Amino acid sequence: MEAITFSPAQMHLITLMSHIKTSHALDQLRDQLADFYARQVDEEMEQLWDSGEWNEEKLQSLENAHFRTPYK
């Protein structure tokens, strides 16, 4: 059996999870994590705009793009 090694971030989250006693508290934690990742995405997109790697033209090119896998 292979041992699992957790990162410091994973260990911290596991420790936090031990204090979650209600479904409401779990929902609150989920919301906080979602907000954290949304802020990360916003910051990265802002960097792309500022650097010129992302612009209005690229955004418009995605307006009618279809990336879904076609199924028969």
N, C-alpha and C. Protein backbone atom coordinates (compact mmCIF):
# COMPACT_ATOMS: atom_id res chain seq x y z
N MET A 1 0.85 -1.18 0.00
CA MET A 1 0.00 0.00 0.00
C MET A 1 0.89 1.24 0.00
N GLU A 2 0.56 2.18 -0.86
CA GLU A 2 1.35 3.40 -1.00
C GLU A 2 0.88 4.46 0.00
N ALA A 3 1.84 5.11 0.66
CA ALA A 3 1.50 6.16 1.62
C ALA A 3 1.11 7.44 0.88
N ILE A 4 0.13 8.14 1.42
CA ILE A 4 -0.32 9.39 0.84
C ILE A 4 0.37 10.53 1.58
N THR A 5 0.96 11.45 0.81
CA THR A 5 1.60 12.61 1.40
C THR A 5 0.77 13.84 1.07
N PHE A 6 0.40 14.57 2.11
CA PHE A 6 -0.39 15.78 1.93
C PHE A 6 0.50 17.01 1.96
N SER A 7 0.12 18.00 1.17
CA SER A 7 0.84 19.28 1.19
C SER A 7 0.44 20.04 2.45
N PRO A 8 1.20 21.07 2.80
CA PRO A 8 0.81 21.88 3.97
C PRO A 8 -0.60 22.47 3.83
N ALA A 9 -0.97 22.88 2.63
CA ALA A 9 -2.32 23.43 2.42
C ALA A 9 -3.38 22.36 2.66
N GLN A 10 -3.14 21.16 2.17
CA GLN A 10 -4.09 20.08 2.38
C GLN A 10 -4.22 19.74 3.86
N MET A 11 -3.10 19.72 4.57
CA MET A 11 -3.13 19.43 6.00
C MET A 11 -3.91 20.51 6.75
N HIS A 12 -3.72 21.75 6.36
CA HIS A 12 -4.45 22.84 7.00
C HIS A 12 -5.95 22.69 6.78
N LEU A 13 -6.36 22.36 5.56
CA LEU A 13 -7.79 22.17 5.28
C LEU A 13 -8.36 20.98 6.05
N ILE A 14 -7.58 19.92 6.16
CA ILE A 14 -8.05 18.76 6.92
C ILE A 14 -8.26 19.14 8.38
N THR A 15 -7.34 19.92 8.92
CA THR A 15 -7.48 20.38 10.30
C THR A 15 -8.72 21.25 10.45
N LEU A 16 -8.94 22.16 9.48
CA LEU A 16 -10.14 23.00 9.52
C LEU A 16 -11.41 22.15 9.47
N MET A 17 -11.39 21.13 8.65
CA MET A 17 -12.58 20.29 8.49
C MET A 17 -12.97 19.60 9.79
N SER A 18 -12.01 19.36 10.67
CA SER A 18 -12.34 18.69 11.93
C SER A 18 -13.21 19.58 12.82
N HIS A 19 -13.26 20.88 12.53
CA HIS A 19 -14.07 21.80 13.33
C HIS A 19 -15.46 22.02 12.72
N ILE A 20 -15.72 21.48 11.55
CA ILE A 20 -17.02 21.62 10.89
C ILE A 20 -17.98 20.63 11.54
N LYS A 21 -19.01 21.17 12.16
CA LYS A 21 -19.95 20.30 12.89
C LYS A 21 -21.35 20.29 12.29
N THR A 22 -21.64 21.27 11.43
CA THR A 22 -22.99 21.34 10.86
C THR A 22 -22.92 21.51 9.34
N SER A 23 -24.01 21.19 8.69
CA SER A 23 -24.06 21.38 7.25
C SER A 23 -23.99 22.86 6.90
N HIS A 24 -24.53 23.71 7.77
CA HIS A 24 -24.47 25.16 7.54
C HIS A 24 -23.00 25.64 7.56
N ALA A 25 -22.23 25.15 8.51
CA ALA A 25 -20.82 25.52 8.58
C ALA A 25 -20.07 25.03 7.34
N LEU A 26 -20.41 23.85 6.87
CA LEU A 26 -19.78 23.33 5.65
C LEU A 26 -20.14 24.20 4.45
N ASP A 27 -21.40 24.60 4.37
CA ASP A 27 -21.82 25.49 3.29
C ASP A 27 -21.06 26.81 3.32
N GLN A 28 -20.87 27.35 4.52
CA GLN A 28 -20.12 28.60 4.66
C GLN A 28 -18.68 28.43 4.19
N LEU A 29 -18.06 27.31 4.55
CA LEU A 29 -16.68 27.05 4.12
C LEU A 29 -16.62 26.91 2.60
N ARG A 30 -17.56 26.20 2.02
CA ARG A 30 -17.62 26.06 0.56
C ARG A 30 -17.72 27.43 -0.11
N ASP A 31 -18.59 28.28 0.46
CA ASP A 31 -18.75 29.63 -0.11
C ASP A 31 -17.45 30.41 -0.03
N GLN A 32 -16.76 30.31 1.09
CA GLN A 32 -15.49 31.02 1.25
C GLN A 32 -14.44 30.51 0.26
N LEU A 33 -14.38 29.21 0.07
CA LEU A 33 -13.43 28.65 -0.89
C LEU A 33 -13.78 29.07 -2.31
N ALA A 34 -15.06 29.08 -2.64
CA ALA A 34 -15.48 29.52 -3.97
C ALA A 34 -15.11 30.98 -4.19
N ASP A 35 -15.33 31.82 -3.17
CA ASP A 35 -14.96 33.24 -3.26
C ASP A 35 -13.46 33.40 -3.44
N PHE A 36 -12.68 32.60 -2.72
CA PHE A 36 -11.22 32.66 -2.83
C PHE A 36 -10.79 32.37 -4.27
N TYR A 37 -11.31 31.30 -4.84
CA TYR A 37 -10.91 30.94 -6.20
C TYR A 37 -11.44 31.94 -7.23
N ALA A 38 -12.60 32.49 -6.99
CA ALA A 38 -13.12 33.52 -7.90
C ALA A 38 -12.22 34.75 -7.90
N ARG A 39 -11.74 35.14 -6.72
CA ARG A 39 -10.81 36.28 -6.64
C ARG A 39 -9.50 35.96 -7.35
N GLN A 40 -9.03 34.72 -7.23
CA GLN A 40 -7.80 34.32 -7.91
C GLN A 40 -7.96 34.43 -9.42
N VAL A 41 -9.09 33.96 -9.93
CA VAL A 41 -9.36 34.03 -11.37
C VAL A 41 -9.43 35.49 -11.81
N ASP A 42 -10.13 36.32 -11.03
CA ASP A 42 -10.23 37.74 -11.37
C ASP A 42 -8.85 38.39 -11.44
N GLU A 43 -8.00 38.09 -10.47
CA GLU A 43 -6.65 38.67 -10.45
C GLU A 43 -5.83 38.22 -11.66
N GLU A 44 -5.93 36.93 -12.00
CA GLU A 44 -5.18 36.43 -13.15
C GLU A 44 -5.69 37.02 -14.45
N MET A 45 -7.02 37.16 -14.58
CA MET A 45 -7.56 37.78 -15.79
C MET A 45 -7.13 39.24 -15.89
N GLU A 46 -7.08 39.92 -14.77
CA GLU A 46 -6.63 41.32 -14.76
C GLU A 46 -5.18 41.41 -15.24
N GLN A 47 -4.36 40.47 -14.82
CA GLN A 47 -2.96 40.44 -15.27
C GLN A 47 -2.87 40.20 -16.77
N LEU A 48 -3.71 39.29 -17.29
CA LEU A 48 -3.72 39.02 -18.72
C LEU A 48 -4.13 40.26 -19.51
N TRP A 49 -5.14 40.99 -19.03
CA TRP A 49 -5.58 42.22 -19.70
C TRP A 49 -4.46 43.25 -19.66
N ASP A 50 -3.85 43.41 -18.48
CA ASP A 50 -2.79 44.43 -18.34
C ASP A 50 -1.58 44.12 -19.21
N SER A 51 -1.28 42.84 -19.39
CA SER A 51 -0.12 42.46 -20.19
C SER A 51 -0.41 42.45 -21.69
N GLY A 52 -1.70 42.51 -22.05
CA GLY A 52 -2.08 42.48 -23.46
C GLY A 52 -2.27 41.07 -24.01
N GLU A 53 -2.07 40.06 -23.16
CA GLU A 53 -2.28 38.68 -23.61
C GLU A 53 -3.76 38.39 -23.85
N TRP A 54 -4.62 39.15 -23.23
CA TRP A 54 -6.06 39.00 -23.39
C TRP A 54 -6.63 40.37 -23.70
N ASN A 55 -7.55 40.42 -24.65
CA ASN A 55 -8.11 41.72 -25.02
C ASN A 55 -9.55 41.54 -25.51
N GLU A 56 -10.15 42.64 -25.86
CA GLU A 56 -11.55 42.62 -26.30
C GLU A 56 -11.74 41.75 -27.54
N GLU A 57 -10.77 41.78 -28.44
CA GLU A 57 -10.86 40.98 -29.68
C GLU A 57 -10.91 39.48 -29.35
N LYS A 58 -10.05 39.03 -28.46
CA LYS A 58 -10.06 37.62 -28.07
C LYS A 58 -11.35 37.25 -27.36
N LEU A 59 -11.83 38.17 -26.55
CA LEU A 59 -13.08 37.93 -25.85
C LEU A 59 -14.23 37.79 -26.84
N GLN A 60 -14.30 38.67 -27.83
CA GLN A 60 -15.34 38.61 -28.84
C GLN A 60 -15.25 37.34 -29.68
N SER A 61 -14.03 36.85 -29.91
CA SER A 61 -13.86 35.64 -30.72
C SER A 61 -14.48 34.42 -30.04
N LEU A 62 -14.64 34.48 -28.71
CA LEU A 62 -15.24 33.37 -27.99
C LEU A 62 -16.76 33.44 -27.93
N GLU A 63 -17.31 34.56 -28.36
CA GLU A 63 -18.75 34.78 -28.24
C GLU A 63 -19.56 33.68 -28.89
N ASN A 64 -19.17 33.21 -30.05
CA ASN A 64 -19.92 32.18 -30.76
C ASN A 64 -19.16 30.87 -30.87
N ALA A 65 -18.13 30.70 -30.05
CA ALA A 65 -17.32 29.47 -30.09
C ALA A 65 -18.11 28.32 -29.48
N HIS A 66 -17.89 27.15 -30.02
CA HIS A 66 -18.52 25.93 -29.52
C HIS A 66 -17.43 24.92 -29.21
N PHE A 67 -17.17 24.72 -27.94
CA PHE A 67 -16.10 23.81 -27.53
C PHE A 67 -16.62 22.49 -26.99
N ARG A 68 -17.90 22.30 -27.00
CA ARG A 68 -18.46 21.07 -26.47
C ARG A 68 -18.15 19.91 -27.40
N THR A 69 -18.01 18.74 -26.82
CA THR A 69 -17.75 17.54 -27.60
C THR A 69 -19.03 17.15 -28.35
N PRO A 70 -18.94 17.01 -29.67
CA PRO A 70 -20.15 16.59 -30.40
C PRO A 70 -20.47 15.12 -30.13
N TYR A 71 -21.70 14.87 -29.83
CA TYR A 71 -22.14 13.48 -29.58
C TYR A 71 -23.08 13.07 -30.71
N LYS A 72 -23.01 11.80 -31.05
CA LYS A 72 -23.84 11.28 -32.13
C LYS A 72 -25.18 10.84 -31.63
